Amino acid sequence: MGMVLILPLVGWLVTGMVFLIKPGYAAAYEQLSPKYYALSERTLPTKPDWFEVRLVKTILGEHLLVKAADGWAHLDPGSLNPMPAPSELNANKLLLDAVSHNPQRYGTLESMTNGVYITSTGIELSLDWQTLSIRQKGRDTALINTLYKIHYLQWLGNKQANTVLGVVGLVGLFLLVFYGAILFFRGRKRV
């Protein structure tokens, strides 16, 4: 049984050390947002069906972000009409401004495919215009996510199969510890 459990135990050991030390986590999971600038004095518009209202200013100007029952809306602060999605040029400006604090990690924008911007360093940036939020992921993020899958026995690509594998692994580990304890205490009685 010990031989069967060598692979998951080694995986748990190595990934557990990575999770303890957390090398590269700060960059891999950095929370990006557009760079915000100072606003002029202004009264925020409100409507009874709005749960949350945020007025922010980016390199592209002012943005009114509103959360209602049906989700977030990105509105023009003057007209309260939906703010159209930015042109590719303006999206590039906004993203480059957001990542300008760390050019070593993000480099420059090189291409865009299906709304995902790829940087010269291989980082993928996704802009959610409705919430004015940015998600980033790179090879380091993918590596850490793979380590999580190894650690939690998510090896099979199917949630139910992974659950069965995890339960089998834990039961096997329990049995190994149980039989080891029995052997230990039986050996002590003979001495």
N, C-alpha and C. Protein backbone atom coordinates (compact mmCIF):
# COMPACT_ATOMS: atom_id res chain seq x y z
N MET A 1 0.83 -1.19 0.00
CA MET A 1 0.00 0.00 0.00
C MET A 1 0.88 1.25 0.00
N GLY A 2 1.99 1.17 0.73
CA GLY A 2 2.92 2.31 0.76
C GLY A 2 3.46 2.62 -0.62
N MET A 3 3.74 1.57 -1.40
CA MET A 3 4.26 1.78 -2.75
C MET A 3 3.21 2.46 -3.65
N VAL A 4 1.93 2.10 -3.47
CA VAL A 4 0.87 2.70 -4.27
C VAL A 4 0.73 4.19 -3.94
N LEU A 5 0.95 4.54 -2.68
CA LEU A 5 0.76 5.92 -2.25
C LEU A 5 1.99 6.80 -2.43
N ILE A 6 3.08 6.26 -2.97
CA ILE A 6 4.29 7.07 -3.14
C ILE A 6 4.04 8.28 -4.03
N LEU A 7 3.38 8.07 -5.16
CA LEU A 7 3.17 9.19 -6.09
C LEU A 7 2.35 10.32 -5.47
N PRO A 8 1.16 10.04 -4.88
CA PRO A 8 0.43 11.16 -4.26
C PRO A 8 1.18 11.78 -3.09
N LEU A 9 1.90 10.96 -2.30
CA LEU A 9 2.63 11.52 -1.16
C LEU A 9 3.75 12.45 -1.61
N VAL A 10 4.47 12.05 -2.65
CA VAL A 10 5.53 12.93 -3.17
C VAL A 10 4.89 14.21 -3.73
N GLY A 11 3.77 14.06 -4.45
CA GLY A 11 3.06 15.24 -4.98
C GLY A 11 2.61 16.16 -3.86
N TRP A 12 2.05 15.60 -2.79
CA TRP A 12 1.61 16.42 -1.66
C TRP A 12 2.79 17.10 -0.98
N LEU A 13 3.90 16.39 -0.85
CA LEU A 13 5.08 16.95 -0.21
C LEU A 13 5.62 18.14 -1.00
N VAL A 14 5.83 17.94 -2.30
CA VAL A 14 6.41 19.00 -3.12
C VAL A 14 5.46 20.20 -3.22
N THR A 15 4.20 19.93 -3.52
CA THR A 15 3.25 21.05 -3.67
C THR A 15 2.99 21.72 -2.33
N GLY A 16 3.00 20.95 -1.25
CA GLY A 16 2.83 21.55 0.08
C GLY A 16 3.95 22.54 0.40
N MET A 17 5.17 22.18 0.01
CA MET A 17 6.30 23.10 0.21
C MET A 17 6.12 24.38 -0.61
N VAL A 18 5.67 24.22 -1.86
CA VAL A 18 5.44 25.40 -2.70
C VAL A 18 4.36 26.28 -2.08
N PHE A 19 3.29 25.67 -1.59
CA PHE A 19 2.20 26.46 -0.99
C PHE A 19 2.64 27.14 0.29
N LEU A 20 3.57 26.53 1.01
CA LEU A 20 4.08 27.13 2.23
C LEU A 20 4.97 28.33 1.92
N ILE A 21 5.84 28.18 0.95
CA ILE A 21 6.81 29.23 0.62
C ILE A 21 6.19 30.30 -0.29
N LYS A 22 5.29 29.88 -1.20
CA LYS A 22 4.58 30.76 -2.14
C LYS A 22 5.51 31.58 -3.04
N PRO A 23 6.46 30.92 -3.71
CA PRO A 23 7.33 31.69 -4.60
C PRO A 23 6.58 32.14 -5.84
N GLY A 24 6.67 33.41 -6.15
CA GLY A 24 6.06 33.94 -7.37
C GLY A 24 4.57 34.19 -7.29
N TYR A 25 3.94 33.96 -6.14
CA TYR A 25 2.50 34.16 -6.02
C TYR A 25 2.10 35.61 -6.25
N ALA A 26 2.86 36.54 -5.72
CA ALA A 26 2.49 37.96 -5.81
C ALA A 26 2.31 38.38 -7.25
N ALA A 27 3.23 38.01 -8.11
CA ALA A 27 3.13 38.39 -9.51
C ALA A 27 2.07 37.58 -10.23
N ALA A 28 2.01 36.28 -9.96
CA ALA A 28 1.08 35.41 -10.68
C ALA A 28 -0.37 35.76 -10.41
N TYR A 29 -0.67 36.23 -9.21
CA TYR A 29 -2.05 36.53 -8.84
C TYR A 29 -2.27 38.02 -8.54
N GLU A 30 -1.42 38.87 -9.11
CA GLU A 30 -1.58 40.30 -8.89
C GLU A 30 -2.95 40.76 -9.37
N GLN A 31 -3.62 41.53 -8.53
CA GLN A 31 -4.92 42.08 -8.89
C GLN A 31 -4.69 43.39 -9.64
N LEU A 32 -5.01 43.37 -10.91
CA LEU A 32 -4.84 44.57 -11.73
C LEU A 32 -6.12 45.38 -11.78
N SER A 33 -5.97 46.66 -11.88
CA SER A 33 -7.11 47.54 -12.14
C SER A 33 -6.57 48.72 -12.94
N PRO A 34 -7.44 49.40 -13.65
CA PRO A 34 -6.96 50.59 -14.36
C PRO A 34 -6.36 51.58 -13.37
N LYS A 35 -5.45 52.37 -13.85
CA LYS A 35 -4.87 53.41 -13.00
C LYS A 35 -5.92 54.52 -12.89
N TYR A 36 -6.23 54.91 -11.65
CA TYR A 36 -7.24 55.94 -11.43
C TYR A 36 -6.58 57.29 -11.17
N TYR A 37 -7.26 58.33 -11.61
CA TYR A 37 -6.78 59.70 -11.48
C TYR A 37 -7.77 60.51 -10.65
N ALA A 38 -7.33 61.66 -10.18
CA ALA A 38 -8.16 62.50 -9.33
C ALA A 38 -9.38 63.01 -10.10
N LEU A 39 -10.50 63.06 -9.39
CA LEU A 39 -11.75 63.55 -9.96
C LEU A 39 -11.99 64.99 -9.53
N SER A 40 -12.73 65.70 -10.34
CA SER A 40 -13.16 67.03 -9.92
C SER A 40 -14.40 66.86 -9.03
N GLU A 41 -14.70 67.89 -8.26
CA GLU A 41 -15.88 67.85 -7.39
C GLU A 41 -17.11 67.61 -8.25
N ARG A 42 -17.93 66.64 -7.83
CA ARG A 42 -19.11 66.32 -8.62
C ARG A 42 -20.07 65.53 -7.74
N THR A 43 -21.35 65.75 -7.95
CA THR A 43 -22.37 64.99 -7.24
C THR A 43 -22.67 63.73 -8.04
N LEU A 44 -22.71 62.61 -7.35
CA LEU A 44 -22.99 61.34 -8.02
C LEU A 44 -24.48 61.21 -8.32
N PRO A 45 -24.81 60.83 -9.54
CA PRO A 45 -26.22 60.57 -9.83
C PRO A 45 -26.65 59.27 -9.14
N THR A 46 -27.90 59.19 -8.78
CA THR A 46 -28.41 57.96 -8.16
C THR A 46 -29.78 57.63 -8.71
N LYS A 47 -30.13 56.37 -8.66
CA LYS A 47 -31.46 55.89 -9.01
C LYS A 47 -31.86 54.87 -7.95
N PRO A 48 -33.14 54.75 -7.67
CA PRO A 48 -33.57 53.84 -6.60
C PRO A 48 -33.18 52.38 -6.83
N ASP A 49 -33.06 51.96 -8.09
CA ASP A 49 -32.75 50.55 -8.35
C ASP A 49 -31.24 50.28 -8.45
N TRP A 50 -30.41 51.26 -8.16
CA TRP A 50 -28.97 51.07 -8.16
C TRP A 50 -28.53 50.67 -6.76
N PHE A 51 -27.76 49.58 -6.66
CA PHE A 51 -27.25 49.12 -5.37
C PHE A 51 -25.91 49.77 -5.03
N GLU A 52 -25.13 50.03 -6.05
CA GLU A 52 -23.79 50.58 -5.85
C GLU A 52 -23.46 51.49 -7.01
N VAL A 53 -22.78 52.61 -6.70
CA VAL A 53 -22.39 53.58 -7.72
C VAL A 53 -20.93 53.96 -7.47
N ARG A 54 -20.14 53.91 -8.55
CA ARG A 54 -18.74 54.33 -8.46
C ARG A 54 -18.43 55.25 -9.63
N LEU A 55 -17.84 56.36 -9.33
CA LEU A 55 -17.37 57.28 -10.36
C LEU A 55 -15.86 57.28 -10.30
N VAL A 56 -15.22 56.93 -11.42
CA VAL A 56 -13.76 56.86 -11.47
C VAL A 56 -13.28 57.58 -12.72
N LYS A 57 -12.00 57.94 -12.68
CA LYS A 57 -11.39 58.59 -13.84
C LYS A 57 -10.14 57.81 -14.22
N THR A 58 -10.06 57.41 -15.49
CA THR A 58 -8.89 56.71 -16.00
C THR A 58 -8.25 57.57 -17.08
N ILE A 59 -7.28 57.02 -17.74
CA ILE A 59 -6.62 57.72 -18.84
C ILE A 59 -7.61 58.02 -19.98
N LEU A 60 -8.73 57.29 -20.01
CA LEU A 60 -9.76 57.49 -21.05
C LEU A 60 -10.83 58.49 -20.63
N GLY A 61 -10.79 58.97 -19.40
CA GLY A 61 -11.79 59.93 -18.93
C GLY A 61 -12.57 59.37 -17.76
N GLU A 62 -13.76 59.94 -17.53
CA GLU A 62 -14.58 59.54 -16.39
C GLU A 62 -15.51 58.39 -16.77
N HIS A 63 -15.75 57.53 -15.78
CA HIS A 63 -16.59 56.35 -15.97
C HIS A 63 -17.54 56.24 -14.78
N LEU A 64 -18.80 55.97 -15.05
CA LEU A 64 -19.77 55.73 -14.00
C LEU A 64 -20.10 54.24 -14.02
N LEU A 65 -19.77 53.56 -12.95
CA LEU A 65 -20.01 52.12 -12.83
C LEU A 65 -21.15 51.93 -11.85
N VAL A 66 -22.19 51.23 -12.31
CA VAL A 66 -23.42 51.10 -11.53
C VAL A 66 -23.78 49.62 -11.41
N LYS A 67 -24.10 49.21 -10.18
CA LYS A 67 -24.56 47.84 -9.97
C LYS A 67 -26.05 47.89 -9.65
N ALA A 68 -26.83 47.16 -10.45
CA ALA A 68 -28.27 47.06 -10.25
C ALA A 68 -28.63 45.57 -10.14
N ALA A 69 -29.91 45.27 -10.10
CA ALA A 69 -30.36 43.88 -9.95
C ALA A 69 -29.87 42.99 -11.08
N ASP A 70 -29.72 43.55 -12.28
CA ASP A 70 -29.30 42.74 -13.43
C ASP A 70 -27.78 42.76 -13.64
N GLY A 71 -27.01 43.27 -12.70
CA GLY A 71 -25.55 43.26 -12.79
C GLY A 71 -24.97 44.66 -12.96
N TRP A 72 -23.71 44.68 -13.42
CA TRP A 72 -22.99 45.94 -13.56
C TRP A 72 -23.29 46.60 -14.90
N ALA A 73 -23.28 47.92 -14.89
CA ALA A 73 -23.40 48.71 -16.12
C ALA A 73 -22.33 49.78 -16.10
N HIS A 74 -21.78 50.06 -17.26
CA HIS A 74 -20.76 51.08 -17.42
C HIS A 74 -21.41 52.23 -18.18
N LEU A 75 -21.63 53.34 -17.49
CA LEU A 75 -22.40 54.44 -18.06
C LEU A 75 -21.54 55.68 -18.29
N ASP A 76 -21.99 56.49 -19.22
CA ASP A 76 -21.40 57.81 -19.43
C ASP A 76 -21.88 58.69 -18.28
N PRO A 77 -20.99 59.31 -17.51
CA PRO A 77 -21.41 60.10 -16.35
C PRO A 77 -22.30 61.29 -16.69
N GLY A 78 -22.15 61.85 -17.89
CA GLY A 78 -22.95 63.00 -18.26
C GLY A 78 -24.36 62.64 -18.70
N SER A 79 -24.47 61.65 -19.58
CA SER A 79 -25.78 61.32 -20.16
C SER A 79 -26.47 60.13 -19.50
N LEU A 80 -25.74 59.36 -18.72
CA LEU A 80 -26.21 58.12 -18.10
C LEU A 80 -26.58 57.05 -19.12
N ASN A 81 -26.11 57.23 -20.36
CA ASN A 81 -26.27 56.20 -21.38
C ASN A 81 -25.14 55.18 -21.25
N PRO A 82 -25.37 53.95 -21.73
CA PRO A 82 -24.29 52.96 -21.68
C PRO A 82 -23.04 53.46 -22.41
N MET A 83 -21.91 53.28 -21.78
CA MET A 83 -20.64 53.69 -22.37
C MET A 83 -20.25 52.63 -23.39
N PRO A 84 -20.01 53.02 -24.65
CA PRO A 84 -19.63 52.01 -25.65
C PRO A 84 -18.26 51.42 -25.32
N ALA A 85 -18.08 50.18 -25.73
CA ALA A 85 -16.79 49.51 -25.52
C ALA A 85 -15.70 50.34 -26.20
N PRO A 86 -14.52 50.35 -25.64
CA PRO A 86 -13.45 51.17 -26.21
C PRO A 86 -12.94 50.59 -27.53
N SER A 87 -12.41 51.47 -28.36
CA SER A 87 -11.74 51.00 -29.57
C SER A 87 -10.50 50.21 -29.13
N GLU A 88 -9.92 49.48 -30.05
CA GLU A 88 -8.72 48.71 -29.71
C GLU A 88 -7.60 49.65 -29.26
N LEU A 89 -7.50 50.81 -29.89
CA LEU A 89 -6.48 51.79 -29.51
C LEU A 89 -6.69 52.25 -28.07
N ASN A 90 -7.96 52.58 -27.71
CA ASN A 90 -8.24 53.04 -26.35
C ASN A 90 -8.09 51.92 -25.32
N ALA A 91 -8.47 50.70 -25.69
CA ALA A 91 -8.26 49.57 -24.78
C ALA A 91 -6.77 49.37 -24.53
N ASN A 92 -5.97 49.50 -25.58
CA ASN A 92 -4.51 49.40 -25.42
C ASN A 92 -3.99 50.47 -24.48
N LYS A 93 -4.48 51.71 -24.64
CA LYS A 93 -4.05 52.81 -23.76
C LYS A 93 -4.38 52.50 -22.30
N LEU A 94 -5.60 52.03 -22.08
CA LEU A 94 -6.05 51.74 -20.72
C LEU A 94 -5.22 50.61 -20.10
N LEU A 95 -4.99 49.54 -20.87
CA LEU A 95 -4.22 48.41 -20.35
C LEU A 95 -2.76 48.77 -20.12
N LEU A 96 -2.16 49.48 -21.07
CA LEU A 96 -0.76 49.88 -20.90
C LEU A 96 -0.59 50.79 -19.69
N ASP A 97 -1.55 51.66 -19.46
CA ASP A 97 -1.51 52.54 -18.28
C ASP A 97 -1.62 51.70 -17.00
N ALA A 98 -2.47 50.66 -17.03
CA ALA A 98 -2.68 49.82 -15.84
C ALA A 98 -1.45 49.00 -15.49
N VAL A 99 -0.68 48.58 -16.49
CA VAL A 99 0.48 47.71 -16.22
C VAL A 99 1.80 48.47 -16.23
N SER A 100 1.75 49.79 -16.36
CA SER A 100 2.98 50.58 -16.45
C SER A 100 3.84 50.50 -15.19
N HIS A 101 3.27 50.11 -14.07
CA HIS A 101 4.03 50.01 -12.81
C HIS A 101 5.01 48.84 -12.81
N ASN A 102 4.85 47.87 -13.74
CA ASN A 102 5.71 46.68 -13.72
C ASN A 102 6.05 46.25 -15.15
N PRO A 103 6.88 47.02 -15.86
CA PRO A 103 7.19 46.68 -17.25
C PRO A 103 7.97 45.37 -17.39
N GLN A 104 8.69 44.95 -16.34
CA GLN A 104 9.42 43.68 -16.43
C GLN A 104 8.46 42.50 -16.56
N ARG A 105 7.35 42.55 -15.86
CA ARG A 105 6.38 41.46 -15.93
C ARG A 105 5.52 41.56 -17.17
N TYR A 106 5.05 42.75 -17.50
CA TYR A 106 4.03 42.90 -18.54
C TYR A 106 4.58 43.29 -19.91
N GLY A 107 5.71 43.96 -19.94
CA GLY A 107 6.27 44.37 -21.23
C GLY A 107 5.31 45.28 -21.99
N THR A 108 5.15 45.02 -23.29
CA THR A 108 4.26 45.82 -24.13
C THR A 108 3.18 44.91 -24.71
N LEU A 109 2.09 45.52 -25.15
CA LEU A 109 1.01 44.74 -25.78
C LEU A 109 1.44 44.37 -27.19
N GLU A 110 1.29 43.11 -27.54
CA GLU A 110 1.71 42.65 -28.86
C GLU A 110 0.55 42.26 -29.76
N SER A 111 -0.47 41.62 -29.19
CA SER A 111 -1.58 41.18 -30.04
C SER A 111 -2.85 41.07 -29.22
N MET A 112 -3.97 40.92 -29.94
CA MET A 112 -5.26 40.75 -29.29
C MET A 112 -6.04 39.72 -30.08
N THR A 113 -6.54 38.70 -29.37
CA THR A 113 -7.36 37.67 -29.99
C THR A 113 -8.55 37.38 -29.10
N ASN A 114 -9.75 37.52 -29.65
CA ASN A 114 -11.00 37.25 -28.91
C ASN A 114 -11.06 38.01 -27.58
N GLY A 115 -10.64 39.25 -27.57
CA GLY A 115 -10.70 40.08 -26.37
C GLY A 115 -9.59 39.83 -25.36
N VAL A 116 -8.64 38.95 -25.68
CA VAL A 116 -7.51 38.68 -24.79
C VAL A 116 -6.28 39.32 -25.40
N TYR A 117 -5.64 40.18 -24.62
CA TYR A 117 -4.45 40.89 -25.07
C TYR A 117 -3.23 40.14 -24.59
N ILE A 118 -2.29 39.88 -25.49
CA ILE A 118 -1.06 39.16 -25.16
C ILE A 118 0.08 40.17 -25.12
N THR A 119 0.87 40.11 -24.04
CA THR A 119 1.99 41.04 -23.91
C THR A 119 3.26 40.39 -24.45
N SER A 120 4.30 41.19 -24.57
CA SER A 120 5.59 40.70 -25.07
C SER A 120 6.23 39.69 -24.12
N THR A 121 5.76 39.64 -22.88
CA THR A 121 6.29 38.67 -21.92
C THR A 121 5.40 37.45 -21.78
N GLY A 122 4.36 37.35 -22.60
CA GLY A 122 3.49 36.18 -22.59
C GLY A 122 2.33 36.25 -21.61
N ILE A 123 2.12 37.39 -20.99
CA ILE A 123 1.01 37.55 -20.05
C ILE A 123 -0.26 37.84 -20.84
N GLU A 124 -1.37 37.19 -20.43
CA GLU A 124 -2.67 37.43 -21.06
C GLU A 124 -3.46 38.40 -20.20
N LEU A 125 -3.97 39.46 -20.82
CA LEU A 125 -4.78 40.46 -20.12
C LEU A 125 -6.18 40.44 -20.70
N SER A 126 -7.18 40.43 -19.81
CA SER A 126 -8.58 40.47 -20.24
C SER A 126 -9.24 41.67 -19.58
N LEU A 127 -9.91 42.48 -20.37
CA LEU A 127 -10.59 43.68 -19.88
C LEU A 127 -12.08 43.42 -19.84
N ASP A 128 -12.68 43.56 -18.66
CA ASP A 128 -14.14 43.50 -18.53
C ASP A 128 -14.64 44.94 -18.49
N TRP A 129 -15.19 45.39 -19.59
CA TRP A 129 -15.57 46.79 -19.73
C TRP A 129 -16.72 47.16 -18.81
N GLN A 130 -17.66 46.22 -18.57
CA GLN A 130 -18.82 46.52 -17.72
C GLN A 130 -18.41 46.85 -16.29
N THR A 131 -17.41 46.18 -15.78
CA THR A 131 -16.96 46.43 -14.40
C THR A 131 -15.65 47.23 -14.36
N LEU A 132 -15.09 47.49 -15.53
CA LEU A 132 -13.81 48.18 -15.65
C LEU A 132 -12.74 47.47 -14.82
N SER A 133 -12.68 46.16 -15.00
CA SER A 133 -11.70 45.35 -14.27
C SER A 133 -10.81 44.61 -15.26
N ILE A 134 -9.63 44.24 -14.79
CA ILE A 134 -8.64 43.59 -15.64
C ILE A 134 -8.19 42.31 -14.96
N ARG A 135 -8.14 41.23 -15.71
CA ARG A 135 -7.60 39.96 -15.22
C ARG A 135 -6.31 39.67 -15.97
N GLN A 136 -5.35 39.09 -15.27
CA GLN A 136 -4.07 38.75 -15.90
C GLN A 136 -3.69 37.34 -15.53
N LYS A 137 -3.05 36.65 -16.47
CA LYS A 137 -2.49 35.34 -16.16
C LYS A 137 -1.32 35.08 -17.09
N GLY A 138 -0.36 34.36 -16.54
CA GLY A 138 0.83 34.02 -17.30
C GLY A 138 1.21 32.58 -17.07
N ARG A 139 2.41 32.22 -17.52
CA ARG A 139 2.88 30.84 -17.34
C ARG A 139 3.00 30.50 -15.86
N ASP A 140 3.40 31.48 -15.04
CA ASP A 140 3.52 31.21 -13.61
C ASP A 140 2.17 30.90 -12.99
N THR A 141 1.12 31.60 -13.43
CA THR A 141 -0.23 31.33 -12.93
C THR A 141 -0.65 29.92 -13.32
N ALA A 142 -0.39 29.53 -14.56
CA ALA A 142 -0.74 28.19 -15.03
C ALA A 142 0.03 27.12 -14.24
N LEU A 143 1.31 27.38 -13.95
CA LEU A 143 2.11 26.42 -13.18
C LEU A 143 1.54 26.25 -11.77
N ILE A 144 1.22 27.34 -11.11
CA ILE A 144 0.69 27.26 -9.75
C ILE A 144 -0.67 26.56 -9.76
N ASN A 145 -1.51 26.83 -10.75
CA ASN A 145 -2.80 26.15 -10.86
C ASN A 145 -2.61 24.65 -11.07
N THR A 146 -1.60 24.27 -11.86
CA THR A 146 -1.29 22.85 -12.07
C THR A 146 -0.83 22.21 -10.76
N LEU A 147 -0.03 22.92 -9.97
CA LEU A 147 0.41 22.39 -8.68
C LEU A 147 -0.78 22.17 -7.75
N TYR A 148 -1.77 23.08 -7.78
CA TYR A 148 -2.98 22.88 -6.99
C TYR A 148 -3.70 21.61 -7.42
N LYS A 149 -3.78 21.38 -8.73
CA LYS A 149 -4.45 20.17 -9.24
C LYS A 149 -3.72 18.92 -8.79
N ILE A 150 -2.40 18.96 -8.78
CA ILE A 150 -1.61 17.81 -8.31
C ILE A 150 -1.86 17.60 -6.81
N HIS A 151 -1.81 18.69 -6.06
CA HIS A 151 -1.95 18.60 -4.60
C HIS A 151 -3.31 18.04 -4.20
N TYR A 152 -4.35 18.45 -4.89
CA TYR A 152 -5.71 18.03 -4.54
C TYR A 152 -6.19 16.86 -5.38
N LEU A 153 -5.25 16.11 -5.98
CA LEU A 153 -5.54 14.90 -6.75
C LEU A 153 -6.58 15.15 -7.86
N GLN A 154 -6.47 16.28 -8.51
CA GLN A 154 -7.35 16.59 -9.64
C GLN A 154 -6.61 16.22 -10.92
N TRP A 155 -6.36 14.94 -11.10
CA TRP A 155 -5.50 14.45 -12.17
C TRP A 155 -6.28 13.98 -13.39
N LEU A 156 -7.58 13.76 -13.27
CA LEU A 156 -8.30 13.03 -14.29
C LEU A 156 -9.14 13.90 -15.24
N GLY A 157 -9.27 15.18 -14.96
CA GLY A 157 -10.02 16.07 -15.85
C GLY A 157 -11.53 15.95 -15.73
N ASN A 158 -12.01 15.21 -14.75
CA ASN A 158 -13.45 15.04 -14.54
C ASN A 158 -13.71 15.21 -13.05
N LYS A 159 -14.66 16.07 -12.68
CA LYS A 159 -14.86 16.41 -11.28
C LYS A 159 -15.22 15.18 -10.44
N GLN A 160 -16.13 14.34 -10.92
CA GLN A 160 -16.54 13.17 -10.15
C GLN A 160 -15.37 12.18 -10.02
N ALA A 161 -14.64 11.95 -11.12
CA ALA A 161 -13.50 11.02 -11.08
C ALA A 161 -12.42 11.56 -10.14
N ASN A 162 -12.19 12.87 -10.16
CA ASN A 162 -11.21 13.47 -9.25
C ASN A 162 -11.63 13.32 -7.79
N THR A 163 -12.93 13.44 -7.52
CA THR A 163 -13.44 13.25 -6.16
C THR A 163 -13.20 11.82 -5.70
N VAL A 164 -13.49 10.85 -6.58
CA VAL A 164 -13.24 9.45 -6.24
C VAL A 164 -11.76 9.23 -5.99
N LEU A 165 -10.89 9.77 -6.85
CA LEU A 165 -9.44 9.62 -6.66
C LEU A 165 -9.00 10.23 -5.34
N GLY A 166 -9.53 11.39 -4.99
CA GLY A 166 -9.18 12.04 -3.72
C GLY A 166 -9.61 11.21 -2.53
N VAL A 167 -10.83 10.65 -2.58
CA VAL A 167 -11.31 9.82 -1.47
C VAL A 167 -10.47 8.55 -1.37
N VAL A 168 -10.17 7.92 -2.50
CA VAL A 168 -9.33 6.71 -2.49
C VAL A 168 -7.95 7.05 -1.92
N GLY A 169 -7.38 8.17 -2.32
CA GLY A 169 -6.07 8.58 -1.79
C GLY A 169 -6.11 8.80 -0.29
N LEU A 170 -7.14 9.48 0.20
CA LEU A 170 -7.23 9.73 1.64
C LEU A 170 -7.48 8.45 2.42
N VAL A 171 -8.36 7.56 1.89
CA VAL A 171 -8.60 6.28 2.56
C VAL A 171 -7.31 5.47 2.59
N GLY A 172 -6.59 5.44 1.45
CA GLY A 172 -5.32 4.72 1.42
C GLY A 172 -4.33 5.27 2.41
N LEU A 173 -4.25 6.59 2.52
CA LEU A 173 -3.35 7.21 3.48
C LEU A 173 -3.76 6.86 4.91
N PHE A 174 -5.05 6.89 5.19
CA PHE A 174 -5.54 6.52 6.52
C PHE A 174 -5.18 5.08 6.85
N LEU A 175 -5.42 4.15 5.89
CA LEU A 175 -5.10 2.75 6.13
C LEU A 175 -3.60 2.54 6.35
N LEU A 176 -2.79 3.26 5.59
CA LEU A 176 -1.34 3.16 5.76
C LEU A 176 -0.93 3.60 7.16
N VAL A 177 -1.47 4.71 7.63
CA VAL A 177 -1.16 5.20 8.97
C VAL A 177 -1.70 4.23 10.02
N PHE A 178 -2.92 3.72 9.80
CA PHE A 178 -3.53 2.79 10.75
C PHE A 178 -2.69 1.52 10.89
N TYR A 179 -2.32 0.90 9.76
CA TYR A 179 -1.51 -0.32 9.82
C TYR A 179 -0.11 -0.03 10.35
N GLY A 180 0.43 1.13 10.04
CA GLY A 180 1.73 1.50 10.60
C GLY A 180 1.67 1.62 12.11
N ALA A 181 0.58 2.19 12.63
CA ALA A 181 0.42 2.31 14.08
C ALA A 181 0.27 0.94 14.72
N ILE A 182 -0.50 0.05 14.08
CA ILE A 182 -0.65 -1.31 14.61
C ILE A 182 0.70 -2.01 14.68
N LEU A 183 1.47 -1.94 13.60
CA LEU A 183 2.79 -2.57 13.58
C LEU A 183 3.72 -1.97 14.64
N PHE A 184 3.64 -0.66 14.81
CA PHE A 184 4.48 0.00 15.80
C PHE A 184 4.16 -0.49 17.21
N PHE A 185 2.86 -0.53 17.56
CA PHE A 185 2.49 -0.92 18.92
C PHE A 185 2.67 -2.41 19.13
N ARG A 186 2.49 -3.25 18.13
CA ARG A 186 2.75 -4.68 18.28
C ARG A 186 4.24 -4.91 18.52
N GLY A 187 5.07 -4.17 17.80
CA GLY A 187 6.51 -4.30 17.96
C GLY A 187 6.96 -3.87 19.35
N ARG A 188 6.32 -2.88 19.95
CA ARG A 188 6.69 -2.40 21.29
C ARG A 188 6.31 -3.41 22.36
N LYS A 189 5.22 -4.17 22.14
CA LYS A 189 4.79 -5.16 23.13
C LYS A 189 5.79 -6.31 23.24
N ARG A 190 6.44 -6.68 22.14
CA ARG A 190 7.37 -7.79 22.13
C ARG A 190 8.67 -7.44 22.86
N VAL A 191 9.02 -6.21 22.93
CA VAL A 191 10.31 -5.82 23.52
C VAL A 191 10.29 -5.86 24.99
